C-alpha atoms as a PDB file:
ATOM      1  CA  MET A   1       0.000   0.000   0.000  1.00  0.00           C
ATOM      2  CA  THR A   2       1.328   3.437  -0.942  1.00  0.00           C
ATOM      3  CA  ASP A   3       2.000   5.653   2.067  1.00  0.00           C
ATOM      4  CA  THR A   4       1.935   9.349   1.243  1.00  0.00           C
ATOM      5  CA  SER A   5       0.959  10.445   4.729  1.00  0.00           C
ATOM      6  CA  ILE A   6       2.974  12.715   6.974  1.00  0.00           C
ATOM      7  CA  ASP A   7       3.556  11.300  10.459  1.00  0.00           C
ATOM      8  CA  SER A   8       2.918  14.123  12.914  1.00  0.00           C
ATOM      9  CA  SER A   9       3.020  12.071  16.129  1.00  0.00           C
ATOM     10  CA  ILE A  10       5.269  13.321  18.918  1.00  0.00           C
ATOM     11  CA  ASP A  11       5.375  10.974  21.891  1.00  0.00           C
ATOM     12  CA  THR A  12       7.554  12.951  24.301  1.00  0.00           C
ATOM     13  CA  ALA A  13       9.171  16.357  24.401  1.00  0.00           C
ATOM     14  CA  SER A  14      12.554  14.767  23.685  1.00  0.00           C
ATOM     15  CA  ASP A  15      11.153  13.544  20.346  1.00  0.00           C
ATOM     16  CA  LYS A  16      11.319  17.191  19.346  1.00  0.00           C
ATOM     17  CA  LEU A  17      15.124  17.128  19.280  1.00  0.00           C
ATOM     18  CA  ILE A  18      16.875  16.916  15.912  1.00  0.00           C
ATOM     19  CA  VAL A  19      20.611  16.349  16.325  1.00  0.00           C
ATOM     20  CA  ALA A  20      22.617  18.099  13.626  1.00  0.00           C
ATOM     21  CA  LEU A  21      25.321  15.718  12.402  1.00  0.00           C
ATOM     22  CA  ASP A  22      27.535  18.590  11.254  1.00  0.00           C
ATOM     23  CA  VAL A  23      30.736  16.537  11.038  1.00  0.00           C
ATOM     24  CA  GLY A  24      33.226  15.870   8.254  1.00  0.00           C
ATOM     25  CA  SER A  25      32.987  12.132   7.702  1.00  0.00           C
ATOM     26  CA  ALA A  26      30.599   9.217   7.571  1.00  0.00           C
ATOM     27  CA  ARG A  27      32.589   7.511  10.316  1.00  0.00           C
ATOM     28  CA  GLU A  28      32.041  10.382  12.760  1.00  0.00           C
ATOM     29  CA  ALA A  29      28.376  10.661  11.825  1.00  0.00           C
ATOM     30  CA  LEU A  30      27.673   6.970  12.237  1.00  0.00           C
ATOM     31  CA  GLU A  31      29.448   6.843  15.594  1.00  0.00           C
ATOM     32  CA  LEU A  32      27.322   9.724  16.884  1.00  0.00           C
ATOM     33  CA  PHE A  33      24.201   8.126  15.463  1.00  0.00           C
ATOM     34  CA  ARG A  34      24.959   4.819  17.204  1.00  0.00           C
ATOM     35  CA  GLN A  35      25.583   6.578  20.512  1.00  0.00           C
ATOM     36  CA  LEU A  36      22.466   8.730  20.388  1.00  0.00           C
ATOM     37  CA  ARG A  37      19.866   6.600  18.636  1.00  0.00           C
ATOM     38  CA  GLY A  38      18.641   5.063  21.900  1.00  0.00           C
ATOM     39  CA  PHE A  39      16.868   8.271  22.902  1.00  0.00           C
ATOM     40  CA  VAL A  40      17.005  10.503  19.812  1.00  0.00           C
ATOM     41  CA  ARG A  41      14.994   9.640  16.705  1.00  0.00           C
ATOM     42  CA  HIS A  42      15.794  12.587  14.417  1.00  0.00           C
ATOM     43  CA  PHE A  43      19.111  13.493  12.796  1.00  0.00           C
ATOM     44  CA  LYS A  44      19.980  16.355  10.455  1.00  0.00           C
ATOM     45  CA  ILE A  45      22.343  15.834   7.553  1.00  0.00           C
ATOM     46  CA  GLY A  46      23.428  19.176   6.142  1.00  0.00           C
ATOM     47  CA  SER A  47      25.785  20.507   3.517  1.00  0.00           C
ATOM     48  CA  GLN A  48      29.044  19.594   5.288  1.00  0.00           C
ATOM     49  CA  LEU A  49      28.313  15.918   5.858  1.00  0.00           C
ATOM     50  CA  PHE A  50      26.441  15.453   2.575  1.00  0.00           C
ATOM     51  CA  THR A  51      29.350  16.958   0.633  1.00  0.00           C
ATOM     52  CA  ALA A  52      31.864  14.798   2.496  1.00  0.00           C
ATOM     53  CA  ALA A  53      29.982  11.496   2.506  1.00  0.00           C
ATOM     54  CA  GLY A  54      27.356  11.762  -0.236  1.00  0.00           C
ATOM     55  CA  PRO A  55      23.877  10.246  -0.371  1.00  0.00           C
ATOM     56  CA  GLN A  56      25.054   6.911   1.031  1.00  0.00           C
ATOM     57  CA  ILE A  57      25.209   8.341   4.561  1.00  0.00           C
ATOM     58  CA  VAL A  58      21.556   9.337   4.222  1.00  0.00           C
ATOM     59  CA  ARG A  59      20.627   5.806   3.143  1.00  0.00           C
ATOM     60  CA  GLU A  60      22.612   4.197   5.962  1.00  0.00           C
ATOM     61  CA  ILE A  61      21.052   6.229   8.735  1.00  0.00           C
ATOM     62  CA  ALA A  62      17.539   6.006   7.283  1.00  0.00           C
ATOM     63  CA  GLN A  63      17.819   2.242   6.783  1.00  0.00           C
ATOM     64  CA  ALA A  64      19.068   1.871  10.374  1.00  0.00           C
ATOM     65  CA  GLY A  65      15.890   3.526  11.647  1.00  0.00           C
ATOM     66  CA  GLY A  66      16.952   7.154  11.997  1.00  0.00           C
ATOM     67  CA  ARG A  67      14.621   9.860  10.756  1.00  0.00           C
ATOM     68  CA  VAL A  68      16.772  12.006   8.488  1.00  0.00           C
ATOM     69  CA  PHE A  69      16.186  15.716   8.016  1.00  0.00           C
ATOM     70  CA  LEU A  70      18.080  16.492   4.798  1.00  0.00           C
ATOM     71  CA  ASP A  71      19.056  20.120   5.303  1.00  0.00           C
ATOM     72  CA  LEU A  72      20.368  21.160   1.885  1.00  0.00           C
ATOM     73  CA  LYS A  73      18.162  24.259   1.585  1.00  0.00           C
ATOM     74  CA  PHE A  74      17.355  23.797  -2.098  1.00  0.00           C
ATOM     75  CA  HIS A  75      17.136  27.116  -3.956  1.00  0.00           C
ATOM     76  CA  ASP A  76      17.063  26.914  -7.748  1.00  0.00           C
ATOM     77  CA  ILE A  77      14.655  26.996 -10.659  1.00  0.00           C
ATOM     78  CA  PRO A  78      11.381  25.136  -9.952  1.00  0.00           C
ATOM     79  CA  ASN A  79      12.133  22.086 -12.098  1.00  0.00           C
ATOM     80  CA  THR A  80      15.546  21.548 -10.498  1.00  0.00           C
ATOM     81  CA  VAL A  81      14.284  21.839  -6.921  1.00  0.00           C
ATOM     82  CA  ALA A  82      11.322  19.569  -7.645  1.00  0.00           C
ATOM     83  CA  ALA A  83      13.559  16.919  -9.212  1.00  0.00           C
ATOM     84  CA  ALA A  84      16.127  17.096  -6.410  1.00  0.00           C
ATOM     85  CA  SER A  85      13.383  16.743  -3.799  1.00  0.00           C
ATOM     86  CA  VAL A  86      12.061  13.604  -5.469  1.00  0.00           C
ATOM     87  CA  GLU A  87      15.578  12.131  -5.366  1.00  0.00           C
ATOM     88  CA  ALA A  88      15.713  12.951  -1.652  1.00  0.00           C
ATOM     89  CA  ALA A  89      12.440  11.066  -1.148  1.00  0.00           C
ATOM     90  CA  ARG A  90      13.971   8.062  -2.884  1.00  0.00           C
ATOM     91  CA  LEU A  91      16.817   8.150  -0.336  1.00  0.00           C
ATOM     92  CA  GLY A  92      14.260   7.634   2.421  1.00  0.00           C
ATOM     93  CA  VAL A  93      14.487  11.027   4.135  1.00  0.00           C
ATOM     94  CA  TRP A  94      11.896  12.011   6.707  1.00  0.00           C
ATOM     95  CA  MET A  95      12.111  15.745   5.995  1.00  0.00           C
ATOM     96  CA  LEU A  96      13.832  18.168   3.605  1.00  0.00           C
ATOM     97  CA  ASN A  97      13.816  21.878   3.000  1.00  0.00           C
ATOM     98  CA  ALA A  98      13.918  24.552   0.315  1.00  0.00           C
ATOM     99  CA  HIS A  99      14.331  28.321   0.496  1.00  0.00           C
ATOM    100  CA  ALA A 100      11.015  30.168   0.477  1.00  0.00           C
ATOM    101  CA  LEU A 101      12.806  32.939  -1.418  1.00  0.00           C
ATOM    102  CA  GLY A 102      12.733  30.575  -4.402  1.00  0.00           C
ATOM    103  CA  GLY A 103       9.147  31.723  -4.820  1.00  0.00           C
ATOM    104  CA  ALA A 104       5.639  30.320  -5.079  1.00  0.00           C
ATOM    105  CA  LEU A 105       6.077  28.419  -8.344  1.00  0.00           C
ATOM    106  CA  MET A 106       9.149  26.618  -7.017  1.00  0.00           C
ATOM    107  CA  MET A 107       7.397  25.579  -3.807  1.00  0.00           C
ATOM    108  CA  ARG A 108       4.145  24.527  -5.470  1.00  0.00           C
ATOM    109  CA  ARG A 109       5.880  22.505  -8.154  1.00  0.00           C
ATOM    110  CA  THR A 110       8.007  20.754  -5.536  1.00  0.00           C
ATOM    111  CA  VAL A 111       4.983  19.864  -3.407  1.00  0.00           C
ATOM    112  CA  GLU A 112       3.238  18.478  -6.485  1.00  0.00           C
ATOM    113  CA  ALA A 113       6.294  16.514  -7.659  1.00  0.00           C
ATOM    114  CA  LEU A 114       6.831  14.914  -4.258  1.00  0.00           C
ATOM    115  CA  THR A 115       3.188  13.949  -3.911  1.00  0.00           C
ATOM    116  CA  GLU A 116       3.042  12.499  -7.420  1.00  0.00           C
ATOM    117  CA  ALA A 117       6.287  10.536  -7.003  1.00  0.00           C
ATOM    118  CA  ALA A 118       5.172   9.141  -3.652  1.00  0.00           C
ATOM    119  CA  GLY A 119       1.936   7.885  -5.126  1.00  0.00           C
ATOM    120  CA  ARG A 120       3.553   6.522  -8.258  1.00  0.00           C
ATOM    121  CA  GLU A 121       6.516   4.790  -6.589  1.00  0.00           C
ATOM    122  CA  GLY A 122       5.040   3.761  -3.252  1.00  0.00           C
ATOM    123  CA  LEU A 123       7.229   6.139  -1.251  1.00  0.00           C
ATOM    124  CA  THR A 124       6.469   7.792   2.048  1.00  0.00           C
ATOM    125  CA  ARG A 125       6.323  11.473   1.161  1.00  0.00           C
ATOM    126  CA  PRO A 126       8.857  13.449   3.209  1.00  0.00           C
ATOM    127  CA  ARG A 127       7.810  16.546   5.045  1.00  0.00           C
ATOM    128  CA  LEU A 128       8.735  19.570   2.942  1.00  0.00           C
ATOM    129  CA  ILE A 129       9.497  22.739   4.851  1.00  0.00           C
ATOM    130  CA  ALA A 130      10.551  26.216   3.769  1.00  0.00           C
ATOM    131  CA  VAL A 131      13.561  28.145   5.027  1.00  0.00           C
ATOM    132  CA  THR A 132      12.570  31.699   5.946  1.00  0.00           C
ATOM    133  CA  VAL A 133      15.408  33.822   7.401  1.00  0.00           C
ATOM    134  CA  LEU A 134      18.620  32.168   8.565  1.00  0.00           C
ATOM    135  CA  THR A 135      19.278  32.446  12.292  1.00  0.00           C
ATOM    136  CA  SER A 136      22.681  33.984  11.521  1.00  0.00           C
ATOM    137  CA  ALA A 137      20.941  36.954   9.874  1.00  0.00           C
ATOM    138  CA  ASP A 138      19.679  40.201  11.377  1.00  0.00           C
ATOM    139  CA  ALA A 139      18.205  43.382   9.905  1.00  0.00           C
ATOM    140  CA  ALA A 140      21.633  44.524   8.708  1.00  0.00           C
ATOM    141  CA  THR A 141      22.198  41.222   6.927  1.00  0.00           C
ATOM    142  CA  LEU A 142      18.849  41.495   5.165  1.00  0.00           C
ATOM    143  CA  ALA A 143      19.595  45.084   4.135  1.00  0.00           C
ATOM    144  CA  GLU A 144      22.874  43.941   2.572  1.00  0.00           C
ATOM    145  CA  VAL A 145      20.911  41.823   0.089  1.00  0.00           C
ATOM    146  CA  GLY A 146      18.256  44.442  -0.595  1.00  0.00           C
ATOM    147  CA  ILE A 147      15.560  43.325   1.860  1.00  0.00           C
ATOM    148  CA  GLN A 148      14.404  46.258   3.944  1.00  0.00           C
ATOM    149  CA  SER A 149      12.079  44.313   6.240  1.00  0.00           C
ATOM    150  CA  GLU A 150      12.920  43.439   9.825  1.00  0.00           C
ATOM    151  CA  PRO A 151      13.538  39.704  10.339  1.00  0.00           C
ATOM    152  CA  LEU A 152      10.135  39.097  11.946  1.00  0.00           C
ATOM    153  CA  ALA A 153       8.224  40.750   9.114  1.00  0.00           C
ATOM    154  CA  GLN A 154      10.233  38.853   6.509  1.00  0.00           C
ATOM    155  CA  VAL A 155       9.747  35.531   8.301  1.00  0.00           C
ATOM    156  CA  LEU A 156       5.994  36.079   8.531  1.00  0.00           C
ATOM    157  CA  ALA A 157       5.713  37.035   4.858  1.00  0.00           C
ATOM    158  CA  LEU A 158       7.634  33.957   3.738  1.00  0.00           C
ATOM    159  CA  ALA A 159       5.776  31.677   6.162  1.00  0.00           C
ATOM    160  CA  ARG A 160       2.427  32.836   4.774  1.00  0.00           C
ATOM    161  CA  LEU A 161       3.677  32.236   1.231  1.00  0.00           C
ATOM    162  CA  ALA A 162       4.886  28.735   2.156  1.00  0.00           C
ATOM    163  CA  LEU A 163       1.541  27.975   3.775  1.00  0.00           C
ATOM    164  CA  ASP A 164      -0.342  29.126   0.669  1.00  0.00           C
ATOM    165  CA  CYS A 165       1.868  26.899  -1.495  1.00  0.00           C
ATOM    166  CA  GLY A 166       1.053  23.749   0.471  1.00  0.00           C
ATOM    167  CA  MET A 167       4.386  23.412   2.268  1.00  0.00           C
ATOM    168  CA  ASP A 168       4.309  21.377   5.473  1.00  0.00           C
ATOM    169  CA  GLY A 169       5.997  24.012   7.613  1.00  0.00           C
ATOM    170  CA  VAL A 170       8.906  26.399   7.919  1.00  0.00           C
ATOM    171  CA  VAL A 171      12.323  26.779   9.454  1.00  0.00           C
ATOM    172  CA  ALA A 172      12.460  29.896  11.601  1.00  0.00           C
ATOM    173  CA  SER A 173      14.318  31.267  14.584  1.00  0.00           C
ATOM    174  CA  PRO A 174      12.650  30.468  17.929  1.00  0.00           C
ATOM    175  CA  HIS A 175      12.084  34.218  18.310  1.00  0.00           C
ATOM    176  CA  GLU A 176       9.563  34.110  15.437  1.00  0.00           C
ATOM    177  CA  VAL A 177       7.849  30.822  16.356  1.00  0.00           C
ATOM    178  CA  LYS A 178       5.022  32.302  18.412  1.00  0.00           C
ATOM    179  CA  ALA A 179       4.155  34.893  15.733  1.00  0.00           C
ATOM    180  CA  VAL A 180       4.243  32.303  12.925  1.00  0.00           C
ATOM    181  CA  ARG A 181       2.059  29.945  14.951  1.00  0.00           C
ATOM    182  CA  ALA A 182      -0.484  32.708  15.471  1.00  0.00           C
ATOM    183  CA  ALA A 183      -0.482  33.584  11.764  1.00  0.00           C
ATOM    184  CA  ALA A 184      -0.746  30.004  10.459  1.00  0.00           C
ATOM    185  CA  SER A 185      -4.217  28.857   9.472  1.00  0.00           C
ATOM    186  CA  ARG A 186      -3.300  25.150   9.755  1.00  0.00           C
ATOM    187  CA  ALA A 187      -2.786  23.504  13.120  1.00  0.00           C
ATOM    188  CA  ASP A 188      -0.422  20.954  11.547  1.00  0.00           C
ATOM    189  CA  PHE A 189       1.883  23.607  10.052  1.00  0.00           C
ATOM    190  CA  MET A 190       5.309  22.569  11.375  1.00  0.00           C
ATOM    191  CA  LEU A 191       7.733  24.981  13.002  1.00  0.00           C
ATOM    192  CA  VAL A 192      11.355  23.842  13.057  1.00  0.00           C
ATOM    193  CA  ALA A 193      13.732  26.020  15.063  1.00  0.00           C
ATOM    194  CA  PRO A 194      17.515  26.121  14.738  1.00  0.00           C
ATOM    195  CA  GLY A 195      19.463  28.719  16.706  1.00  0.00           C
ATOM    196  CA  VAL A 196      18.862  26.882  19.997  1.00  0.00           C
ATOM    197  CA  ARG A 197      21.564  26.984  22.654  1.00  0.00           C
ATOM    198  CA  PRO A 198      21.417  25.574  26.199  1.00  0.00           C
ATOM    199  CA  ALA A 199      22.111  28.185  28.879  1.00  0.00           C
ATOM    200  CA  GLY A 200      25.821  28.853  29.162  1.00  0.00           C
ATOM    201  CA  ASN A 201      26.691  27.791  25.616  1.00  0.00           C
ATOM    202  CA  ALA A 202      28.282  30.256  23.193  1.00  0.00           C
ATOM    203  CA  ALA A 203      26.060  31.799  20.516  1.00  0.00           C
ATOM    204  CA  ASP A 204      28.774  31.279  17.867  1.00  0.00           C
ATOM    205  CA  ASP A 205      27.504  32.749  14.559  1.00  0.00           C
ATOM    206  CA  GLN A 206      23.837  32.631  15.570  1.00  0.00           C
ATOM    207  CA  LYS A 207      22.107  35.933  16.308  1.00  0.00           C
ATOM    208  CA  ARG A 208      18.489  35.071  17.148  1.00  0.00           C
ATOM    209  CA  ILE A 209      18.719  32.299  19.713  1.00  0.00           C
ATOM    210  CA  MET A 210      16.837  30.809  22.688  1.00  0.00           C
ATOM    211  CA  THR A 211      17.369  27.995  25.156  1.00  0.00           C
ATOM    212  CA  PRO A 212      15.633  24.658  24.483  1.00  0.00           C
ATOM    213  CA  ALA A 213      13.038  25.279  27.175  1.00  0.00           C
ATOM    214  CA  GLN A 214      12.276  28.753  25.810  1.00  0.00           C
ATOM    215  CA  ALA A 215      11.931  27.468  22.240  1.00  0.00           C
ATOM    216  CA  ILE A 216       9.599  24.639  23.262  1.00  0.00           C
ATOM    217  CA  SER A 217       7.526  27.029  25.373  1.00  0.00           C
ATOM    218  CA  ALA A 218       7.273  29.379  22.381  1.00  0.00           C
ATOM    219  CA  GLY A 219       5.643  26.582  20.386  1.00  0.00           C
ATOM    220  CA  ALA A 220       8.390  25.043  18.245  1.00  0.00           C
ATOM    221  CA  ASP A 221       7.618  21.534  16.995  1.00  0.00           C
ATOM    222  CA  TYR A 222      11.259  20.530  16.559  1.00  0.00           C
ATOM    223  CA  LEU A 223      14.578  21.984  17.701  1.00  0.00           C
ATOM    224  CA  VAL A 224      17.760  21.555  15.659  1.00  0.00           C
ATOM    225  CA  ILE A 225      20.805  21.417  17.919  1.00  0.00           C
ATOM    226  CA  GLY A 226      24.326  20.630  16.788  1.00  0.00           C
ATOM    227  CA  ARG A 227      27.373  22.253  18.330  1.00  0.00           C
ATOM    228  CA  ALA A 228      26.096  22.145  21.921  1.00  0.00           C
ATOM    229  CA  ILE A 229      26.069  18.342  21.563  1.00  0.00           C
ATOM    230  CA  LEU A 230      28.903  17.716  19.093  1.00  0.00           C
ATOM    231  CA  ASN A 231      31.428  19.954  20.867  1.00  0.00           C
ATOM    232  CA  ALA A 232      30.626  18.682  24.345  1.00  0.00           C
ATOM    233  CA  PRO A 233      33.174  16.450  26.117  1.00  0.00           C
ATOM    234  CA  ASP A 234      30.329  13.942  26.483  1.00  0.00           C
ATOM    235  CA  PRO A 235      27.933  14.302  23.516  1.00  0.00           C
ATOM    236  CA  VAL A 236      25.576  11.661  24.875  1.00  0.00           C
ATOM    237  CA  GLY A 237      25.413  13.350  28.263  1.00  0.00           C
ATOM    238  CA  ALA A 238      24.854  16.738  26.617  1.00  0.00           C
ATOM    239  CA  ALA A 239      22.000  15.358  24.528  1.00  0.00           C
ATOM    240  CA  ARG A 240      20.445  13.729  27.594  1.00  0.00           C
ATOM    241  CA  LYS A 241      20.603  17.006  29.504  1.00  0.00           C
ATOM    242  CA  ILE A 242      18.929  18.854  26.625  1.00  0.00           C
ATOM    243  CA  CYS A 243      16.224  16.189  26.431  1.00  0.00           C
ATOM    244  CA  GLU A 244      15.630  16.501  30.172  1.00  0.00           C
ATOM    245  CA  GLU A 245      15.239  20.265  29.799  1.00  0.00           C
ATOM    246  CA  MET A 246      12.793  19.780  26.931  1.00  0.00           C
ATOM    247  CA  ASP A 247      10.860  17.164  28.904  1.00  0.00           C
ATOM    248  CA  SER A 248      10.507  19.643  31.766  1.00  0.00           C
ATOM    249  CA  VAL A 249       8.311  21.852  29.568  1.00  0.00           C
ATOM    250  CA  SER A 250       4.658  20.872  29.282  1.00  0.00           C
ATOM    251  CA  LEU A 251       3.509  19.767  25.831  1.00  0.00           C
ATOM    252  CA  VAL A 252       0.013  21.077  26.515  1.00  0.00           C
END
């Protein structure tokens, strides 16, 4: 039976954690995956690891039971993004993303292509979410590229466009989560928040950040956390501590 559904179940608050496998080799990624898979279900594979290890690392983690968020932020002409997204579905990813700045036609065509391919080939259709404004950007960054809006206004405009195009959700800073949630007309519209740092951790190149508890309280569905876990002396212990903090926040 063809499964084109989108699994939206979240059993515990710690299921909201997506560990970013931002490392330089398949060996490092697989070791982290093996250590963490007992209490983390979701893993992000981004540009660094995908460039170093290729699509095989996606297949390996997906086939071993990990839910892979393929974070390649597709941004190209509509046909190219649609075709690339279908290839990602064939790898078995749970979720992937594309830049909302690619426009309505790009997003609509990608949604249609994924849905058609899933039905035709018996694939589970991945969740398709839109990148709004990177968490490393602020108003000055936007102005540099000719966008005069404040980050919140730009995020809301792009989130509304993504919603209208049938996207499953957006990537946005935790600072914009509450406003996007209020503006979304669909209860199942997913909000994925990077730029999350446990108290005491350095902000690094992120500018719009919150702690895990703050981001969950704001209404984020999933938190993407990398360096706070990967750079810790004990990555497993760091992930457990983050999960405990997330579990301390009511899901109601």
